Amino acid sequence: MITPDQKKEDKTTLIVTSTPDPEGLSFLNEYVTRVMPMLLNAGGVVVKRTEVTRVFHGDRQFTYLLVMDFPSDESLNNLFESEAYQQLIKIREKGFVNMNILYGRDL
């Protein structure tokens, strides 16, 4: 859990961009249903979940965007390297045509 006194540089922002596979919506739903509790249990706080509805400039390279704050890179690394998450990778791959999982820091 992120605390108010935590230094800005210690926090990690998770950015996930994705495009669903229309043929794999049941896998998408299973992945999201299983991964969201894992993200929250790892100390994540949802900042924004959104669907891209319009592109003003550039190319639409994804459909969904998830932004979450975490206490550290380590909390995310522990989650993504866990056996429980590793078991979700095949489900993830069947539910999305693409997904990018990025870490960021506040400027």
N, C-alpha and C. Protein backbone atom coordinates (compact mmCIF):
# COMPACT_ATOMS: atom_id res chain seq x y z
N MET A 1 0.85 -1.17 0.00
CA MET A 1 0.00 0.00 0.00
C MET A 1 0.89 1.24 0.00
N ILE A 2 0.55 2.18 -0.80
CA ILE A 2 1.29 3.44 -0.88
C ILE A 2 0.89 4.32 0.30
N THR A 3 1.87 4.86 0.96
CA THR A 3 1.60 5.71 2.11
C THR A 3 1.82 7.17 1.73
N PRO A 4 1.11 8.11 2.40
CA PRO A 4 1.25 9.52 2.06
C PRO A 4 2.66 10.07 2.24
N ASP A 5 3.43 9.49 3.16
CA ASP A 5 4.77 10.00 3.41
C ASP A 5 5.84 9.34 2.53
N GLN A 6 5.43 8.44 1.67
CA GLN A 6 6.38 7.77 0.79
C GLN A 6 6.92 8.76 -0.23
N LYS A 7 8.23 8.70 -0.48
CA LYS A 7 8.85 9.60 -1.43
C LYS A 7 8.38 9.29 -2.85
N LYS A 8 8.20 10.34 -3.63
CA LYS A 8 7.73 10.22 -5.00
C LYS A 8 8.60 9.25 -5.81
N GLU A 9 9.90 9.31 -5.61
CA GLU A 9 10.80 8.47 -6.42
C GLU A 9 10.74 6.99 -6.04
N ASP A 10 10.13 6.68 -4.88
CA ASP A 10 9.99 5.29 -4.47
C ASP A 10 8.78 4.62 -5.12
N LYS A 11 7.81 5.41 -5.54
CA LYS A 11 6.58 4.88 -6.11
C LYS A 11 6.80 4.48 -7.56
N THR A 12 6.06 3.48 -7.99
CA THR A 12 6.10 3.03 -9.38
C THR A 12 4.70 3.10 -9.94
N THR A 13 4.57 3.66 -11.13
CA THR A 13 3.29 3.67 -11.82
C THR A 13 3.30 2.57 -12.86
N LEU A 14 2.28 1.74 -12.80
CA LEU A 14 2.08 0.68 -13.79
C LEU A 14 1.16 1.23 -14.87
N ILE A 15 1.59 1.10 -16.11
CA ILE A 15 0.77 1.50 -17.26
C ILE A 15 0.60 0.26 -18.12
N VAL A 16 -0.64 -0.12 -18.35
CA VAL A 16 -0.93 -1.28 -19.20
C VAL A 16 -1.81 -0.80 -20.35
N THR A 17 -1.34 -1.03 -21.57
CA THR A 17 -2.15 -0.76 -22.75
C THR A 17 -2.48 -2.10 -23.39
N SER A 18 -3.70 -2.21 -23.92
CA SER A 18 -4.09 -3.50 -24.49
C SER A 18 -5.17 -3.34 -25.54
N THR A 19 -5.25 -4.34 -26.40
CA THR A 19 -6.31 -4.47 -27.38
C THR A 19 -6.85 -5.88 -27.27
N PRO A 20 -8.16 -6.01 -27.02
CA PRO A 20 -8.73 -7.34 -26.86
C PRO A 20 -8.77 -8.11 -28.17
N ASP A 21 -8.76 -9.42 -28.05
CA ASP A 21 -8.97 -10.30 -29.19
C ASP A 21 -10.47 -10.61 -29.23
N PRO A 22 -11.18 -10.19 -30.28
CA PRO A 22 -12.62 -10.43 -30.32
C PRO A 22 -12.99 -11.91 -30.22
N GLU A 23 -12.07 -12.78 -30.60
CA GLU A 23 -12.31 -14.23 -30.52
C GLU A 23 -11.99 -14.79 -29.14
N GLY A 24 -11.42 -13.96 -28.27
CA GLY A 24 -10.97 -14.46 -26.98
C GLY A 24 -11.55 -13.71 -25.79
N LEU A 25 -12.76 -13.21 -25.92
CA LEU A 25 -13.33 -12.39 -24.85
C LEU A 25 -13.51 -13.15 -23.54
N SER A 26 -13.78 -14.45 -23.62
CA SER A 26 -13.90 -15.23 -22.38
C SER A 26 -12.54 -15.30 -21.67
N PHE A 27 -11.46 -15.38 -22.43
CA PHE A 27 -10.12 -15.39 -21.84
C PHE A 27 -9.78 -14.02 -21.25
N LEU A 28 -10.15 -12.95 -21.95
CA LEU A 28 -9.95 -11.60 -21.44
C LEU A 28 -10.66 -11.45 -20.09
N ASN A 29 -11.91 -11.84 -20.02
CA ASN A 29 -12.67 -11.73 -18.78
C ASN A 29 -12.04 -12.55 -17.66
N GLU A 30 -11.58 -13.76 -17.98
CA GLU A 30 -10.93 -14.58 -16.95
C GLU A 30 -9.64 -13.93 -16.47
N TYR A 31 -8.84 -13.42 -17.40
CA TYR A 31 -7.59 -12.78 -17.04
C TYR A 31 -7.84 -11.58 -16.12
N VAL A 32 -8.74 -10.70 -16.52
CA VAL A 32 -9.00 -9.49 -15.73
C VAL A 32 -9.56 -9.86 -14.36
N THR A 33 -10.47 -10.82 -14.32
CA THR A 33 -11.07 -11.25 -13.05
C THR A 33 -10.02 -11.80 -12.09
N ARG A 34 -9.02 -12.47 -12.63
CA ARG A 34 -7.99 -13.06 -11.78
C ARG A 34 -6.83 -12.10 -11.48
N VAL A 35 -6.48 -11.24 -12.43
CA VAL A 35 -5.30 -10.40 -12.22
C VAL A 35 -5.58 -9.18 -11.35
N MET A 36 -6.78 -8.60 -11.43
CA MET A 36 -7.05 -7.40 -10.65
C MET A 36 -6.88 -7.61 -9.15
N PRO A 37 -7.40 -8.69 -8.56
CA PRO A 37 -7.13 -8.91 -7.13
C PRO A 37 -5.64 -9.07 -6.82
N MET A 38 -4.90 -9.66 -7.74
CA MET A 38 -3.47 -9.81 -7.53
C MET A 38 -2.78 -8.45 -7.51
N LEU A 39 -3.17 -7.57 -8.43
CA LEU A 39 -2.60 -6.23 -8.49
C LEU A 39 -2.93 -5.44 -7.22
N LEU A 40 -4.16 -5.53 -6.78
CA LEU A 40 -4.57 -4.82 -5.56
C LEU A 40 -3.86 -5.38 -4.33
N ASN A 41 -3.73 -6.69 -4.26
CA ASN A 41 -3.04 -7.32 -3.13
C ASN A 41 -1.55 -7.01 -3.10
N ALA A 42 -0.99 -6.64 -4.26
CA ALA A 42 0.42 -6.26 -4.32
C ALA A 42 0.63 -4.80 -3.92
N GLY A 43 -0.44 -4.15 -3.46
CA GLY A 43 -0.33 -2.77 -3.01
C GLY A 43 -0.75 -1.74 -4.05
N GLY A 44 -1.31 -2.20 -5.15
CA GLY A 44 -1.70 -1.29 -6.21
C GLY A 44 -2.93 -0.47 -5.88
N VAL A 45 -2.94 0.75 -6.40
CA VAL A 45 -4.07 1.66 -6.29
C VAL A 45 -4.45 2.08 -7.70
N VAL A 46 -5.69 1.81 -8.09
CA VAL A 46 -6.13 2.17 -9.44
C VAL A 46 -6.21 3.69 -9.56
N VAL A 47 -5.51 4.21 -10.56
CA VAL A 47 -5.57 5.64 -10.88
C VAL A 47 -6.61 5.85 -11.98
N LYS A 48 -6.59 4.98 -12.99
CA LYS A 48 -7.50 5.14 -14.12
C LYS A 48 -7.61 3.84 -14.90
N ARG A 49 -8.84 3.48 -15.25
CA ARG A 49 -9.13 2.42 -16.22
C ARG A 49 -10.01 3.07 -17.26
N THR A 50 -9.60 2.98 -18.52
CA THR A 50 -10.36 3.70 -19.54
C THR A 50 -10.29 2.97 -20.88
N GLU A 51 -11.25 3.29 -21.73
CA GLU A 51 -11.27 2.81 -23.10
C GLU A 51 -11.00 4.01 -24.00
N VAL A 52 -10.11 3.82 -24.97
CA VAL A 52 -9.83 4.88 -25.92
C VAL A 52 -11.02 4.96 -26.88
N THR A 53 -11.64 6.12 -26.96
CA THR A 53 -12.81 6.29 -27.82
C THR A 53 -12.54 7.16 -29.04
N ARG A 54 -11.45 7.92 -28.97
CA ARG A 54 -11.13 8.80 -30.09
C ARG A 54 -9.65 9.13 -30.04
N VAL A 55 -9.03 9.22 -31.21
CA VAL A 55 -7.64 9.66 -31.31
C VAL A 55 -7.64 11.02 -31.99
N PHE A 56 -7.15 12.00 -31.30
CA PHE A 56 -7.06 13.35 -31.86
C PHE A 56 -5.89 13.45 -32.84
N HIS A 57 -4.76 12.84 -32.48
CA HIS A 57 -3.57 12.90 -33.32
C HIS A 57 -2.80 11.59 -33.13
N GLY A 58 -2.29 11.03 -34.18
CA GLY A 58 -1.50 9.80 -34.10
C GLY A 58 -2.34 8.58 -34.44
N ASP A 59 -1.78 7.42 -34.13
CA ASP A 59 -2.42 6.14 -34.43
C ASP A 59 -3.02 5.54 -33.17
N ARG A 60 -4.15 4.92 -33.32
CA ARG A 60 -4.75 4.19 -32.21
C ARG A 60 -4.05 2.84 -32.12
N GLN A 61 -3.19 2.70 -31.14
CA GLN A 61 -2.39 1.49 -31.02
C GLN A 61 -2.91 0.55 -29.94
N PHE A 62 -3.92 0.98 -29.20
CA PHE A 62 -4.51 0.13 -28.18
C PHE A 62 -5.94 0.59 -27.89
N THR A 63 -6.69 -0.26 -27.23
CA THR A 63 -8.10 0.01 -26.92
C THR A 63 -8.28 0.40 -25.47
N TYR A 64 -7.60 -0.30 -24.58
CA TYR A 64 -7.76 -0.07 -23.14
C TYR A 64 -6.48 0.44 -22.51
N LEU A 65 -6.65 1.22 -21.46
CA LEU A 65 -5.52 1.76 -20.71
C LEU A 65 -5.82 1.58 -19.22
N LEU A 66 -4.85 1.04 -18.50
CA LEU A 66 -4.93 0.91 -17.05
C LEU A 66 -3.72 1.61 -16.46
N VAL A 67 -3.95 2.47 -15.47
CA VAL A 67 -2.87 3.14 -14.75
C VAL A 67 -3.08 2.86 -13.27
N MET A 68 -2.03 2.36 -12.62
CA MET A 68 -2.07 2.06 -11.19
C MET A 68 -0.77 2.51 -10.55
N ASP A 69 -0.84 2.93 -9.30
CA ASP A 69 0.36 3.26 -8.53
C ASP A 69 0.67 2.12 -7.57
N PHE A 70 1.97 1.86 -7.42
CA PHE A 70 2.47 0.80 -6.55
C PHE A 70 3.57 1.35 -5.66
N PRO A 71 3.83 0.69 -4.54
CA PRO A 71 4.86 1.15 -3.62
C PRO A 71 6.26 1.16 -4.24
N SER A 72 6.53 0.22 -5.18
CA SER A 72 7.89 0.09 -5.70
C SER A 72 7.90 -0.82 -6.93
N ASP A 73 9.01 -0.79 -7.66
CA ASP A 73 9.24 -1.77 -8.73
C ASP A 73 9.20 -3.18 -8.16
N GLU A 74 9.79 -3.33 -6.98
CA GLU A 74 9.90 -4.65 -6.37
C GLU A 74 8.53 -5.30 -6.16
N SER A 75 7.55 -4.52 -5.73
CA SER A 75 6.22 -5.09 -5.52
C SER A 75 5.64 -5.62 -6.83
N LEU A 76 5.88 -4.92 -7.92
CA LEU A 76 5.42 -5.39 -9.23
C LEU A 76 6.23 -6.58 -9.73
N ASN A 77 7.54 -6.50 -9.56
CA ASN A 77 8.38 -7.63 -9.98
C ASN A 77 7.98 -8.91 -9.26
N ASN A 78 7.74 -8.81 -7.96
CA ASN A 78 7.33 -9.99 -7.20
C ASN A 78 6.02 -10.56 -7.73
N LEU A 79 5.10 -9.69 -8.08
CA LEU A 79 3.82 -10.15 -8.64
C LEU A 79 4.04 -10.84 -9.99
N PHE A 80 4.70 -10.14 -10.92
CA PHE A 80 4.83 -10.67 -12.28
C PHE A 80 5.72 -11.91 -12.35
N GLU A 81 6.60 -12.08 -11.38
CA GLU A 81 7.46 -13.27 -11.35
C GLU A 81 6.84 -14.41 -10.56
N SER A 82 5.71 -14.17 -9.92
CA SER A 82 5.08 -15.21 -9.09
C SER A 82 4.52 -16.34 -9.95
N GLU A 83 4.43 -17.50 -9.36
CA GLU A 83 3.86 -18.67 -10.03
C GLU A 83 2.40 -18.40 -10.40
N ALA A 84 1.67 -17.74 -9.52
CA ALA A 84 0.25 -17.46 -9.79
C ALA A 84 0.09 -16.61 -11.04
N TYR A 85 0.95 -15.59 -11.20
CA TYR A 85 0.85 -14.76 -12.40
C TYR A 85 1.34 -15.53 -13.63
N GLN A 86 2.38 -16.30 -13.48
CA GLN A 86 2.90 -17.06 -14.62
C GLN A 86 1.82 -17.96 -15.21
N GLN A 87 0.93 -18.46 -14.37
CA GLN A 87 -0.16 -19.31 -14.85
C GLN A 87 -1.19 -18.53 -15.67
N LEU A 88 -1.21 -17.22 -15.54
CA LEU A 88 -2.16 -16.39 -16.28
C LEU A 88 -1.66 -15.98 -17.66
N ILE A 89 -0.39 -16.18 -17.94
CA ILE A 89 0.18 -15.68 -19.19
C ILE A 89 -0.49 -16.30 -20.41
N LYS A 90 -0.73 -17.59 -20.41
CA LYS A 90 -1.39 -18.22 -21.57
C LYS A 90 -2.81 -17.71 -21.74
N ILE A 91 -3.50 -17.46 -20.63
CA ILE A 91 -4.85 -16.90 -20.69
C ILE A 91 -4.78 -15.48 -21.25
N ARG A 92 -3.81 -14.70 -20.77
CA ARG A 92 -3.62 -13.33 -21.27
C ARG A 92 -3.39 -13.33 -22.78
N GLU A 93 -2.54 -14.22 -23.25
CA GLU A 93 -2.20 -14.26 -24.66
C GLU A 93 -3.40 -14.63 -25.53
N LYS A 94 -4.35 -15.39 -24.99
CA LYS A 94 -5.55 -15.76 -25.75
C LYS A 94 -6.62 -14.67 -25.70
N GLY A 95 -6.52 -13.76 -24.74
CA GLY A 95 -7.55 -12.74 -24.57
C GLY A 95 -7.24 -11.40 -25.24
N PHE A 96 -5.97 -11.21 -25.62
CA PHE A 96 -5.57 -9.92 -26.18
C PHE A 96 -4.73 -10.12 -27.43
N VAL A 97 -4.91 -9.23 -28.41
CA VAL A 97 -4.03 -9.27 -29.58
C VAL A 97 -2.72 -8.56 -29.28
N ASN A 98 -2.75 -7.63 -28.31
CA ASN A 98 -1.50 -7.04 -27.84
C ASN A 98 -1.71 -6.48 -26.44
N MET A 99 -0.62 -6.48 -25.70
CA MET A 99 -0.61 -5.89 -24.36
C MET A 99 0.80 -5.40 -24.09
N ASN A 100 0.89 -4.19 -23.57
CA ASN A 100 2.16 -3.63 -23.13
C ASN A 100 2.05 -3.38 -21.63
N ILE A 101 3.04 -3.82 -20.89
CA ILE A 101 3.09 -3.62 -19.45
C ILE A 101 4.32 -2.78 -19.16
N LEU A 102 4.09 -1.56 -18.70
CA LEU A 102 5.17 -0.57 -18.54
C LEU A 102 5.23 -0.09 -17.11
N TYR A 103 6.45 0.25 -16.66
CA TYR A 103 6.65 0.88 -15.35
C TYR A 103 7.04 2.33 -15.60
N GLY A 104 6.56 3.22 -14.74
CA GLY A 104 6.92 4.63 -14.86
C GLY A 104 7.15 5.27 -13.52
N ARG A 105 7.71 6.46 -13.54
CA ARG A 105 7.96 7.27 -12.34
C ARG A 105 7.42 8.67 -12.59
N ASP A 106 6.97 9.34 -11.53
CA ASP A 106 6.53 10.73 -11.64
C ASP A 106 7.73 11.59 -12.03
N LEU A 107 7.46 12.60 -12.81
CA LEU A 107 8.51 13.56 -13.19
C LEU A 107 8.59 14.68 -12.16
